[in-house]
Amino acid sequence: MVEDFAFCREIARRANANLLHAARLLPGPRQDFFFATYAAMRLIDDAVDDGFLCRPSEDREHERGAMLADIDNWQGQCLGRTEEGPLPAQVYRALRKTAHCSDLGETPWTGLADAMRRDVREQPMPDWEDFLGYAAGATVAPATIFIYLLGAKPAERGFSWDLPEPPVHYAADLGIFCYLVHILRDLAKDAERSERLVTVPDCLIENAGLQKTGLTDAIRSRDPRVGSLAADLRQRASSHLEAGRVALRALKPLIGRREQLALSGLIGIYETLFDRFSADYFTGMADAPALEVALRKKLLPSQAPS
């Protein structure tokens, strides 16, 4: 099993996400659980984004059915209903030793699978409610697992949850806030790779006087309308941050000191990035990579107190 968890960690390491740095502060068994589930989610997300959405139109049309079948089989593997699917055997075995022995439940897996199906079907995202529905799977799902691991208690075969509210209650607004910061950070990169990777509702882009097909050129020319779009996204992110803070104030007294450090460090990174985008958006976007590295070193030290 050591090799299986190492395999999962390597998949996660390549993503180099802030969430991974925070998860490394968790005690060992919680880390194993996190990296097993994150690797499973990372693999299907990359298969959709890189292996499907960035391909030419004719290829996508030809492969759409197979990709949807892969998502169905992936969901079955993650829920422990089938061994066969797109996940490597190492990841499946790691899930069997962690998530399948817990009361995490189906919600994170079902939510992410639904979001991935929406991507593969290339369903439009006309308004903010559509975005929130998509985000409930695409970003709240991994956030829910992280929160679960902050508050779950060791049980006979794994972990169990007995806090006053379900994990998604504490994770929802936090996850959406962080996702919006990701969108602000990666807007140029995503637009350049494919307009299908830009998960900003059409109404927000249109309200800024822009079109998704011309977003890359607008960013390159530092079009002030991109700044207007960013300001709209920041305002919406701010409301989720405030709601998330309320939920986290209720959660923190219920979890251990090490878990509190991981949570505070993670949120601190996103809040600082968010504040940086509140000035000049284009400068903030250019500064974000170096700032993120510095924040990880400052807020998420390699050794956490026990």
C-alpha atoms as a PDB file:
ATOM      1  CA  MET A   1       0.000   0.000   0.000  1.00  0.00           C
ATOM      2  CA  VAL A   2       2.936   2.359   0.538  1.00  0.00           C
ATOM      3  CA  GLU A   3       3.622   2.277  -3.199  1.00  0.00           C
ATOM      4  CA  ASP A   4      -0.033   2.983  -3.998  1.00  0.00           C
ATOM      5  CA  PHE A   5      -0.129   6.083  -1.816  1.00  0.00           C
ATOM      6  CA  ALA A   6       3.212   7.239  -3.255  1.00  0.00           C
ATOM      7  CA  PHE A   7       1.695   6.860  -6.732  1.00  0.00           C
ATOM      8  CA  CYS A   8      -1.248   9.070  -5.683  1.00  0.00           C
ATOM      9  CA  ARG A   9       1.081  11.673  -4.182  1.00  0.00           C
ATOM     10  CA  GLU A  10       3.026  11.891  -7.430  1.00  0.00           C
ATOM     11  CA  ILE A  11      -0.165  12.558  -9.399  1.00  0.00           C
ATOM     12  CA  ALA A  12      -1.105  15.255  -6.920  1.00  0.00           C
ATOM     13  CA  ARG A  13       2.419  16.717  -6.874  1.00  0.00           C
ATOM     14  CA  ARG A  14       2.262  17.466 -10.577  1.00  0.00           C
ATOM     15  CA  ALA A  15      -0.820  19.623  -9.983  1.00  0.00           C
ATOM     16  CA  ASN A  16       1.058  21.756  -7.406  1.00  0.00           C
ATOM     17  CA  ALA A  17      -2.202  23.165  -6.039  1.00  0.00           C
ATOM     18  CA  ASN A  18      -2.509  25.222  -2.860  1.00  0.00           C
ATOM     19  CA  LEU A  19      -4.831  22.600  -1.425  1.00  0.00           C
ATOM     20  CA  LEU A  20      -2.035  20.025  -1.617  1.00  0.00           C
ATOM     21  CA  HIS A  21       0.350  22.165   0.385  1.00  0.00           C
ATOM     22  CA  ALA A  22      -2.279  22.578   3.081  1.00  0.00           C
ATOM     23  CA  ALA A  23      -3.025  18.841   3.081  1.00  0.00           C
ATOM     24  CA  ARG A  24       0.646  18.089   3.807  1.00  0.00           C
ATOM     25  CA  LEU A  25       0.133  19.611   7.255  1.00  0.00           C
ATOM     26  CA  LEU A  26      -2.431  16.956   8.170  1.00  0.00           C
ATOM     27  CA  PRO A  27      -1.516  13.868  10.207  1.00  0.00           C
ATOM     28  CA  GLY A  28      -0.387  10.866   8.147  1.00  0.00           C
ATOM     29  CA  PRO A  29      -3.617   8.832   7.789  1.00  0.00           C
ATOM     30  CA  ARG A  30      -5.538  11.959   6.819  1.00  0.00           C
ATOM     31  CA  GLN A  31      -2.887  12.772   4.234  1.00  0.00           C
ATOM     32  CA  ASP A  32      -3.187   9.300   2.711  1.00  0.00           C
ATOM     33  CA  PHE A  33      -6.964   9.738   2.472  1.00  0.00           C
ATOM     34  CA  PHE A  34      -6.629  13.172   0.923  1.00  0.00           C
ATOM     35  CA  PHE A  35      -4.028  12.241  -1.684  1.00  0.00           C
ATOM     36  CA  ALA A  36      -5.952   9.138  -2.732  1.00  0.00           C
ATOM     37  CA  THR A  37      -9.141  11.121  -3.310  1.00  0.00           C
ATOM     38  CA  TYR A  38      -7.359  14.100  -4.858  1.00  0.00           C
ATOM     39  CA  ALA A  39      -5.491  11.869  -7.303  1.00  0.00           C
ATOM     40  CA  ALA A  40      -8.789  10.280  -8.379  1.00  0.00           C
ATOM     41  CA  MET A  41     -10.370  13.704  -8.935  1.00  0.00           C
ATOM     42  CA  ARG A  42      -7.282  15.126 -10.647  1.00  0.00           C
ATOM     43  CA  LEU A  43      -7.145  12.288 -13.165  1.00  0.00           C
ATOM     44  CA  ILE A  44     -10.730  12.669 -14.391  1.00  0.00           C
ATOM     45  CA  ASP A  45     -10.490  16.466 -14.445  1.00  0.00           C
ATOM     46  CA  ASP A  46      -7.308  16.345 -16.526  1.00  0.00           C
ATOM     47  CA  ALA A  47      -8.830  13.743 -18.840  1.00  0.00           C
ATOM     48  CA  VAL A  48     -11.725  16.091 -19.537  1.00  0.00           C
ATOM     49  CA  ASP A  49      -9.766  19.354 -19.748  1.00  0.00           C
ATOM     50  CA  ASP A  50      -6.600  18.209 -21.503  1.00  0.00           C
ATOM     51  CA  GLY A  51      -7.676  14.980 -23.135  1.00  0.00           C
ATOM     52  CA  PHE A  52     -11.050  16.139 -24.435  1.00  0.00           C
ATOM     53  CA  LEU A  53     -11.929  19.843 -24.305  1.00  0.00           C
ATOM     54  CA  CYS A  54      -8.692  21.032 -25.913  1.00  0.00           C
ATOM     55  CA  ARG A  55      -9.092  18.715 -28.890  1.00  0.00           C
ATOM     56  CA  PRO A  56     -10.508  19.802 -32.283  1.00  0.00           C
ATOM     57  CA  SER A  57     -14.264  19.854 -32.755  1.00  0.00           C
ATOM     58  CA  GLU A  58     -14.410  16.730 -34.919  1.00  0.00           C
ATOM     59  CA  ASP A  59     -12.376  14.727 -32.399  1.00  0.00           C
ATOM     60  CA  ARG A  60     -14.599  15.855 -29.544  1.00  0.00           C
ATOM     61  CA  GLU A  61     -17.720  14.854 -31.387  1.00  0.00           C
ATOM     62  CA  HIS A  62     -16.255  11.440 -32.136  1.00  0.00           C
ATOM     63  CA  GLU A  63     -15.005  10.836 -28.575  1.00  0.00           C
ATOM     64  CA  ARG A  64     -17.884  12.351 -26.607  1.00  0.00           C
ATOM     65  CA  GLY A  65     -19.692   9.090 -25.903  1.00  0.00           C
ATOM     66  CA  ALA A  66     -16.513   7.321 -24.802  1.00  0.00           C
ATOM     67  CA  MET A  67     -15.597  10.209 -22.499  1.00  0.00           C
ATOM     68  CA  LEU A  68     -19.032  10.160 -20.881  1.00  0.00           C
ATOM     69  CA  ALA A  69     -18.710   6.408 -20.375  1.00  0.00           C
ATOM     70  CA  ASP A  70     -15.328   6.959 -18.715  1.00  0.00           C
ATOM     71  CA  ILE A  71     -16.933   9.410 -16.302  1.00  0.00           C
ATOM     72  CA  ASP A  72     -19.647   6.879 -15.446  1.00  0.00           C
ATOM     73  CA  ASN A  73     -17.030   4.193 -14.804  1.00  0.00           C
ATOM     74  CA  TRP A  74     -14.856   6.622 -12.833  1.00  0.00           C
ATOM     75  CA  GLN A  75     -17.815   7.414 -10.584  1.00  0.00           C
ATOM     76  CA  GLY A  76     -18.430   3.708 -10.064  1.00  0.00           C
ATOM     77  CA  GLN A  77     -14.799   3.169  -9.049  1.00  0.00           C
ATOM     78  CA  CYS A  78     -14.833   6.116  -6.637  1.00  0.00           C
ATOM     79  CA  LEU A  79     -18.005   4.840  -4.994  1.00  0.00           C
ATOM     80  CA  GLY A  80     -16.609   1.313  -4.724  1.00  0.00           C
ATOM     81  CA  ARG A  81     -19.244  -0.174  -7.017  1.00  0.00           C
ATOM     82  CA  THR A  82     -16.835  -1.454  -9.657  1.00  0.00           C
ATOM     83  CA  GLU A  83     -13.113  -2.088 -10.014  1.00  0.00           C
ATOM     84  CA  GLU A  84     -13.059  -1.461 -13.752  1.00  0.00           C
ATOM     85  CA  GLY A  85     -12.672   2.069 -15.070  1.00  0.00           C
ATOM     86  CA  PRO A  86     -10.192   4.774 -16.038  1.00  0.00           C
ATOM     87  CA  LEU A  87      -8.482   4.965 -12.637  1.00  0.00           C
ATOM     88  CA  PRO A  88      -5.149   3.123 -12.371  1.00  0.00           C
ATOM     89  CA  ALA A  89      -5.146   0.133 -10.042  1.00  0.00           C
ATOM     90  CA  GLN A  90      -2.911   1.974  -7.555  1.00  0.00           C
ATOM     91  CA  VAL A  91      -5.428   4.786  -7.129  1.00  0.00           C
ATOM     92  CA  TYR A  92      -8.353   2.394  -6.845  1.00  0.00           C
ATOM     93  CA  ARG A  93      -6.573   0.379  -4.157  1.00  0.00           C
ATOM     94  CA  ALA A  94      -5.746   3.574  -2.256  1.00  0.00           C
ATOM     95  CA  LEU A  95      -9.420   4.592  -2.377  1.00  0.00           C
ATOM     96  CA  ARG A  96     -10.415   1.182  -1.069  1.00  0.00           C
ATOM     97  CA  LYS A  97      -8.192   1.708   1.963  1.00  0.00           C
ATOM     98  CA  THR A  98      -9.430   5.247   2.656  1.00  0.00           C
ATOM     99  CA  ALA A  99     -12.623   6.727   1.216  1.00  0.00           C
ATOM    100  CA  HIS A 100     -14.355   3.354   0.886  1.00  0.00           C
ATOM    101  CA  CYS A 101     -13.797   2.773   4.620  1.00  0.00           C
ATOM    102  CA  SER A 102     -15.369   6.083   5.659  1.00  0.00           C
ATOM    103  CA  ASP A 103     -18.751   7.759   5.843  1.00  0.00           C
ATOM    104  CA  LEU A 104     -17.709  10.450   3.359  1.00  0.00           C
ATOM    105  CA  GLY A 105     -20.705   9.517   1.227  1.00  0.00           C
ATOM    106  CA  GLU A 106     -21.513   9.919  -2.449  1.00  0.00           C
ATOM    107  CA  THR A 107     -21.958  13.695  -2.715  1.00  0.00           C
ATOM    108  CA  PRO A 108     -18.395  14.723  -3.696  1.00  0.00           C
ATOM    109  CA  TRP A 109     -18.086  12.009  -6.334  1.00  0.00           C
ATOM    110  CA  THR A 110     -21.550  12.563  -7.772  1.00  0.00           C
ATOM    111  CA  GLY A 111     -21.039  16.332  -7.820  1.00  0.00           C
ATOM    112  CA  LEU A 112     -17.739  16.206  -9.664  1.00  0.00           C
ATOM    113  CA  ALA A 113     -19.019  13.591 -12.111  1.00  0.00           C
ATOM    114  CA  ASP A 114     -22.012  15.800 -12.938  1.00  0.00           C
ATOM    115  CA  ALA A 115     -19.732  18.798 -13.530  1.00  0.00           C
ATOM    116  CA  MET A 116     -17.452  16.762 -15.791  1.00  0.00           C
ATOM    117  CA  ARG A 117     -20.439  15.492 -17.785  1.00  0.00           C
ATOM    118  CA  ARG A 118     -21.543  19.069 -18.266  1.00  0.00           C
ATOM    119  CA  ASP A 119     -18.090  19.947 -19.622  1.00  0.00           C
ATOM    120  CA  VAL A 120     -18.046  16.996 -22.001  1.00  0.00           C
ATOM    121  CA  ARG A 121     -21.520  17.797 -23.281  1.00  0.00           C
ATOM    122  CA  GLU A 122     -20.322  21.388 -23.740  1.00  0.00           C
ATOM    123  CA  GLN A 123     -23.421  22.713 -22.069  1.00  0.00           C
ATOM    124  CA  PRO A 124     -23.639  26.511 -22.096  1.00  0.00           C
ATOM    125  CA  MET A 125     -23.276  28.523 -18.896  1.00  0.00           C
ATOM    126  CA  PRO A 126     -25.559  31.488 -19.551  1.00  0.00           C
ATOM    127  CA  ASP A 127     -26.040  32.908 -16.055  1.00  0.00           C
ATOM    128  CA  TRP A 128     -24.728  32.976 -12.510  1.00  0.00           C
ATOM    129  CA  GLU A 129     -27.045  30.240 -11.262  1.00  0.00           C
ATOM    130  CA  ASP A 130     -25.608  27.920 -13.898  1.00  0.00           C
ATOM    131  CA  PHE A 131     -22.131  28.751 -12.635  1.00  0.00           C
ATOM    132  CA  LEU A 132     -23.100  27.984  -9.036  1.00  0.00           C
ATOM    133  CA  GLY A 133     -24.589  24.663 -10.107  1.00  0.00           C
ATOM    134  CA  TYR A 134     -21.400  23.765 -11.954  1.00  0.00           C
ATOM    135  CA  ALA A 135     -19.174  24.920  -9.089  1.00  0.00           C
ATOM    136  CA  ALA A 136     -21.111  22.718  -6.641  1.00  0.00           C
ATOM    137  CA  GLY A 137     -19.373  19.783  -8.292  1.00  0.00           C
ATOM    138  CA  ALA A 138     -16.248  21.191  -9.888  1.00  0.00           C
ATOM    139  CA  THR A 139     -14.867  22.923  -6.806  1.00  0.00           C
ATOM    140  CA  VAL A 140     -17.059  22.247  -3.773  1.00  0.00           C
ATOM    141  CA  ALA A 141     -16.428  18.499  -4.165  1.00  0.00           C
ATOM    142  CA  PRO A 142     -12.668  18.559  -3.381  1.00  0.00           C
ATOM    143  CA  ALA A 143     -13.221  21.278  -0.764  1.00  0.00           C
ATOM    144  CA  THR A 144     -15.784  19.043   0.941  1.00  0.00           C
ATOM    145  CA  ILE A 145     -13.280  16.186   1.185  1.00  0.00           C
ATOM    146  CA  PHE A 146     -10.670  18.529   2.649  1.00  0.00           C
ATOM    147  CA  ILE A 147     -13.140  19.800   5.255  1.00  0.00           C
ATOM    148  CA  TYR A 148     -14.215  16.228   5.998  1.00  0.00           C
ATOM    149  CA  LEU A 149     -10.626  15.336   6.805  1.00  0.00           C
ATOM    150  CA  LEU A 150     -10.271  18.331   9.104  1.00  0.00           C
ATOM    151  CA  GLY A 151     -13.208  17.264  11.253  1.00  0.00           C
ATOM    152  CA  ALA A 152     -13.697  13.511  10.881  1.00  0.00           C
ATOM    153  CA  LYS A 153     -12.746  11.256  13.776  1.00  0.00           C
ATOM    154  CA  PRO A 154     -10.815   7.973  13.532  1.00  0.00           C
ATOM    155  CA  ALA A 155     -13.190   5.004  13.464  1.00  0.00           C
ATOM    156  CA  GLU A 156     -12.751   1.244  13.508  1.00  0.00           C
ATOM    157  CA  ARG A 157     -12.117   1.005   9.762  1.00  0.00           C
ATOM    158  CA  GLY A 158     -11.347   4.580   8.790  1.00  0.00           C
ATOM    159  CA  PHE A 159     -12.961   7.905   9.638  1.00  0.00           C
ATOM    160  CA  SER A 160     -16.445   9.060  10.596  1.00  0.00           C
ATOM    161  CA  TRP A 161     -18.094  12.479  10.808  1.00  0.00           C
ATOM    162  CA  ASP A 162     -20.105  13.607  13.821  1.00  0.00           C
ATOM    163  CA  LEU A 163     -19.929  17.436  13.745  1.00  0.00           C
ATOM    164  CA  PRO A 164     -23.161  19.468  13.929  1.00  0.00           C
ATOM    165  CA  GLU A 165     -23.369  20.143  10.169  1.00  0.00           C
ATOM    166  CA  PRO A 166     -22.335  18.021   7.163  1.00  0.00           C
ATOM    167  CA  PRO A 167     -18.924  18.793   5.604  1.00  0.00           C
ATOM    168  CA  VAL A 168     -20.456  20.533   2.578  1.00  0.00           C
ATOM    169  CA  HIS A 169     -22.042  23.105   4.897  1.00  0.00           C
ATOM    170  CA  TYR A 170     -18.594  24.299   5.941  1.00  0.00           C
ATOM    171  CA  ALA A 171     -17.033  23.835   2.500  1.00  0.00           C
ATOM    172  CA  ALA A 172     -19.489  25.332   0.002  1.00  0.00           C
ATOM    173  CA  ASP A 173     -18.777  29.066   0.198  1.00  0.00           C
ATOM    174  CA  LEU A 174     -15.096  28.480   0.881  1.00  0.00           C
ATOM    175  CA  GLY A 175     -14.815  26.321  -2.217  1.00  0.00           C
ATOM    176  CA  ILE A 176     -16.595  28.824  -4.464  1.00  0.00           C
ATOM    177  CA  PHE A 177     -14.488  31.720  -3.162  1.00  0.00           C
ATOM    178  CA  CYS A 178     -11.264  29.824  -3.860  1.00  0.00           C
ATOM    179  CA  TYR A 179     -12.532  28.800  -7.291  1.00  0.00           C
ATOM    180  CA  LEU A 180     -13.256  32.404  -8.225  1.00  0.00           C
ATOM    181  CA  VAL A 181      -9.736  33.366  -7.166  1.00  0.00           C
ATOM    182  CA  HIS A 182      -8.464  30.536  -9.397  1.00  0.00           C
ATOM    183  CA  ILE A 183     -10.484  31.926 -12.289  1.00  0.00           C
ATOM    184  CA  LEU A 184      -9.052  35.410 -11.750  1.00  0.00           C
ATOM    185  CA  ARG A 185      -5.544  33.977 -11.552  1.00  0.00           C
ATOM    186  CA  ASP A 186      -5.819  31.687 -14.596  1.00  0.00           C
ATOM    187  CA  LEU A 187      -8.109  33.651 -16.908  1.00  0.00           C
ATOM    188  CA  ALA A 188      -5.394  34.428 -19.460  1.00  0.00           C
ATOM    189  CA  LYS A 189      -4.006  30.879 -19.497  1.00  0.00           C
ATOM    190  CA  ASP A 190      -7.419  29.226 -19.750  1.00  0.00           C
ATOM    191  CA  ALA A 191      -8.667  31.547 -22.498  1.00  0.00           C
ATOM    192  CA  GLU A 192      -5.517  30.931 -24.538  1.00  0.00           C
ATOM    193  CA  ARG A 193      -5.771  27.148 -24.255  1.00  0.00           C
ATOM    194  CA  SER A 194      -9.464  26.964 -25.164  1.00  0.00           C
ATOM    195  CA  GLU A 195     -12.546  29.112 -24.666  1.00  0.00           C
ATOM    196  CA  ARG A 196     -14.207  25.928 -23.358  1.00  0.00           C
ATOM    197  CA  LEU A 197     -11.957  26.123 -20.292  1.00  0.00           C
ATOM    198  CA  VAL A 198     -13.253  29.588 -19.373  1.00  0.00           C
ATOM    199  CA  THR A 199     -15.906  28.834 -16.755  1.00  0.00           C
ATOM    200  CA  VAL A 200     -17.216  32.388 -16.487  1.00  0.00           C
ATOM    201  CA  PRO A 201     -20.957  32.754 -17.152  1.00  0.00           C
ATOM    202  CA  ASP A 202     -21.840  34.285 -20.514  1.00  0.00           C
ATOM    203  CA  CYS A 203     -23.875  37.020 -18.849  1.00  0.00           C
ATOM    204  CA  LEU A 204     -20.842  38.363 -16.953  1.00  0.00           C
ATOM    205  CA  ILE A 205     -18.702  38.424 -20.087  1.00  0.00           C
ATOM    206  CA  GLU A 206     -21.462  40.148 -22.038  1.00  0.00           C
ATOM    207  CA  ASN A 207     -22.120  42.644 -19.241  1.00  0.00           C
ATOM    208  CA  ALA A 208     -18.468  43.670 -19.502  1.00  0.00           C
ATOM    209  CA  GLY A 209     -18.912  44.244 -23.245  1.00  0.00           C
ATOM    210  CA  LEU A 210     -16.747  41.262 -24.175  1.00  0.00           C
ATOM    211  CA  GLN A 211     -17.095  37.993 -26.057  1.00  0.00           C
ATOM    212  CA  LYS A 212     -15.569  34.700 -24.970  1.00  0.00           C
ATOM    213  CA  THR A 213     -14.000  34.166 -28.399  1.00  0.00           C
ATOM    214  CA  GLY A 214     -12.123  37.467 -28.125  1.00  0.00           C
ATOM    215  CA  LEU A 215     -11.069  37.180 -24.509  1.00  0.00           C
ATOM    216  CA  THR A 216      -7.440  36.289 -25.190  1.00  0.00           C
ATOM    217  CA  ASP A 217      -6.892  39.345 -27.388  1.00  0.00           C
ATOM    218  CA  ALA A 218      -8.641  41.568 -24.854  1.00  0.00           C
ATOM    219  CA  ILE A 219      -6.361  40.345 -22.062  1.00  0.00           C
ATOM    220  CA  ARG A 220      -3.217  40.738 -24.156  1.00  0.00           C
ATOM    221  CA  SER A 221      -4.155  44.330 -25.011  1.00  0.00           C
ATOM    222  CA  ARG A 222      -5.053  45.081 -21.370  1.00  0.00           C
ATOM    223  CA  ASP A 223      -8.554  46.029 -22.449  1.00  0.00           C
ATOM    224  CA  PRO A 224     -10.208  47.908 -19.540  1.00  0.00           C
ATOM    225  CA  ARG A 225     -13.330  45.812 -20.072  1.00  0.00           C
ATOM    226  CA  VAL A 226     -11.379  42.822 -18.735  1.00  0.00           C
ATOM    227  CA  GLY A 227     -10.835  44.858 -15.593  1.00  0.00           C
ATOM    228  CA  SER A 228     -14.597  45.381 -15.364  1.00  0.00           C
ATOM    229  CA  LEU A 229     -15.158  41.639 -15.690  1.00  0.00           C
ATOM    230  CA  ALA A 230     -12.575  40.986 -12.970  1.00  0.00           C
ATOM    231  CA  ALA A 231     -14.242  43.536 -10.676  1.00  0.00           C
ATOM    232  CA  ASP A 232     -17.573  41.727 -11.103  1.00  0.00           C
ATOM    233  CA  LEU A 233     -15.958  38.398 -10.246  1.00  0.00           C
ATOM    234  CA  ARG A 234     -14.203  39.911  -7.219  1.00  0.00           C
ATOM    235  CA  GLN A 235     -17.461  41.316  -5.894  1.00  0.00           C
ATOM    236  CA  ARG A 236     -19.150  37.937  -6.166  1.00  0.00           C
ATOM    237  CA  ALA A 237     -16.156  36.223  -4.592  1.00  0.00           C
ATOM    238  CA  SER A 238     -16.292  38.663  -1.687  1.00  0.00           C
ATOM    239  CA  SER A 239     -19.832  37.625  -0.763  1.00  0.00           C
ATOM    240  CA  HIS A 240     -18.806  33.960  -0.689  1.00  0.00           C
ATOM    241  CA  LEU A 241     -15.758  34.811   1.402  1.00  0.00           C
ATOM    242  CA  GLU A 242     -17.908  36.527   4.011  1.00  0.00           C
ATOM    243  CA  ALA A 243     -20.327  33.597   4.156  1.00  0.00           C
ATOM    244  CA  GLY A 244     -17.400  31.175   4.282  1.00  0.00           C
ATOM    245  CA  ARG A 245     -15.868  33.012   7.221  1.00  0.00           C
ATOM    246  CA  VAL A 246     -19.059  32.531   9.204  1.00  0.00           C
ATOM    247  CA  ALA A 247     -19.023  28.786   8.562  1.00  0.00           C
ATOM    248  CA  LEU A 248     -15.325  28.509   9.373  1.00  0.00           C
ATOM    249  CA  ARG A 249     -15.699  30.372  12.653  1.00  0.00           C
ATOM    250  CA  ALA A 250     -18.142  27.663  13.654  1.00  0.00           C
ATOM    251  CA  LEU A 251     -15.828  24.884  12.441  1.00  0.00           C
ATOM    252  CA  LYS A 252     -12.471  25.916  13.910  1.00  0.00           C
ATOM    253  CA  PRO A 253     -13.255  25.231  17.593  1.00  0.00           C
ATOM    254  CA  LEU A 254     -14.334  21.717  16.615  1.00  0.00           C
ATOM    255  CA  ILE A 255     -11.071  20.621  14.960  1.00  0.00           C
ATOM    256  CA  GLY A 256      -7.501  20.034  16.146  1.00  0.00           C
ATOM    257  CA  ARG A 257      -4.677  22.539  16.217  1.00  0.00           C
ATOM    258  CA  ARG A 258      -2.829  21.003  13.281  1.00  0.00           C
ATOM    259  CA  GLU A 259      -6.036  20.990  11.238  1.00  0.00           C
ATOM    260  CA  GLN A 260      -6.667  24.631  12.166  1.00  0.00           C
ATOM    261  CA  LEU A 261      -3.201  25.544  10.886  1.00  0.00           C
ATOM    262  CA  ALA A 262      -3.830  23.814   7.562  1.00  0.00           C
ATOM    263  CA  LEU A 263      -7.157  25.580   7.165  1.00  0.00           C
ATOM    264  CA  SER A 264      -5.877  29.027   8.165  1.00  0.00           C
ATOM    265  CA  GLY A 265      -2.857  28.705   5.889  1.00  0.00           C
ATOM    266  CA  LEU A 266      -4.971  27.713   2.914  1.00  0.00           C
ATOM    267  CA  ILE A 267      -7.491  30.508   3.340  1.00  0.00           C
ATOM    268  CA  GLY A 268      -4.688  32.989   3.963  1.00  0.00           C
ATOM    269  CA  ILE A 269      -3.182  32.247   0.556  1.00  0.00           C
ATOM    270  CA  TYR A 270      -6.459  32.832  -1.250  1.00  0.00           C
ATOM    271  CA  GLU A 271      -7.350  35.955   0.705  1.00  0.00           C
ATOM    272  CA  THR A 272      -3.965  37.516  -0.074  1.00  0.00           C
ATOM    273  CA  LEU A 273      -4.246  36.678  -3.767  1.00  0.00           C
ATOM    274  CA  PHE A 274      -7.780  38.056  -3.748  1.00  0.00           C
ATOM    275  CA  ASP A 275      -6.582  41.325  -2.224  1.00  0.00           C
ATOM    276  CA  ARG A 276      -3.835  41.558  -4.839  1.00  0.00           C
ATOM    277  CA  PHE A 277      -6.413  41.338  -7.620  1.00  0.00           C
ATOM    278  CA  SER A 278      -8.365  44.180  -6.024  1.00  0.00           C
ATOM    279  CA  ALA A 279      -5.900  46.779  -7.305  1.00  0.00           C
ATOM    280  CA  ASP A 280      -4.783  46.648 -10.941  1.00  0.00           C
ATOM    281  CA  TYR A 281      -6.020  43.332 -12.241  1.00  0.00           C
ATOM    282  CA  PHE A 282      -3.433  42.878 -14.981  1.00  0.00           C
ATOM    283  CA  THR A 283      -0.548  43.590 -12.607  1.00  0.00           C
ATOM    284  CA  GLY A 284      -2.095  41.244 -10.051  1.00  0.00           C
ATOM    285  CA  MET A 285      -2.383  38.483 -12.636  1.00  0.00           C
ATOM    286  CA  ALA A 286       1.280  38.908 -13.600  1.00  0.00           C
ATOM    287  CA  ASP A 287       2.409  38.943  -9.958  1.00  0.00           C
ATOM    288  CA  ALA A 288       0.273  35.973  -8.864  1.00  0.00           C
ATOM    289  CA  PRO A 289       2.701  33.074  -9.558  1.00  0.00           C
ATOM    290  CA  ALA A 290       5.597  34.524  -7.535  1.00  0.00           C
ATOM    291  CA  LEU A 291       3.266  35.767  -4.821  1.00  0.00           C
ATOM    292  CA  GLU A 292       1.678  32.340  -4.513  1.00  0.00           C
ATOM    293  CA  VAL A 293       5.053  30.646  -4.029  1.00  0.00           C
ATOM    294  CA  ALA A 294       6.008  33.143  -1.333  1.00  0.00           C
ATOM    295  CA  LEU A 295       2.680  32.725   0.446  1.00  0.00           C
ATOM    296  CA  ARG A 296       3.016  28.951   0.517  1.00  0.00           C
ATOM    297  CA  LYS A 297       6.415  29.249   2.192  1.00  0.00           C
ATOM    298  CA  LYS A 298       5.178  31.804   4.707  1.00  0.00           C
ATOM    299  CA  LEU A 299       1.775  30.429   5.621  1.00  0.00           C
ATOM    300  CA  LEU A 300       2.303  26.698   5.135  1.00  0.00           C
ATOM    301  CA  PRO A 301       5.647  25.798   6.738  1.00  0.00           C
ATOM    302  CA  SER A 302       7.031  22.354   6.066  1.00  0.00           C
ATOM    303  CA  GLN A 303       6.727  21.346   9.701  1.00  0.00           C
ATOM    304  CA  ALA A 304       3.536  21.894  11.646  1.00  0.00           C
ATOM    305  CA  PRO A 305       3.247  21.750  15.433  1.00  0.00           C
ATOM    306  CA  SER A 306       1.596  18.596  16.722  1.00  0.00           C
END
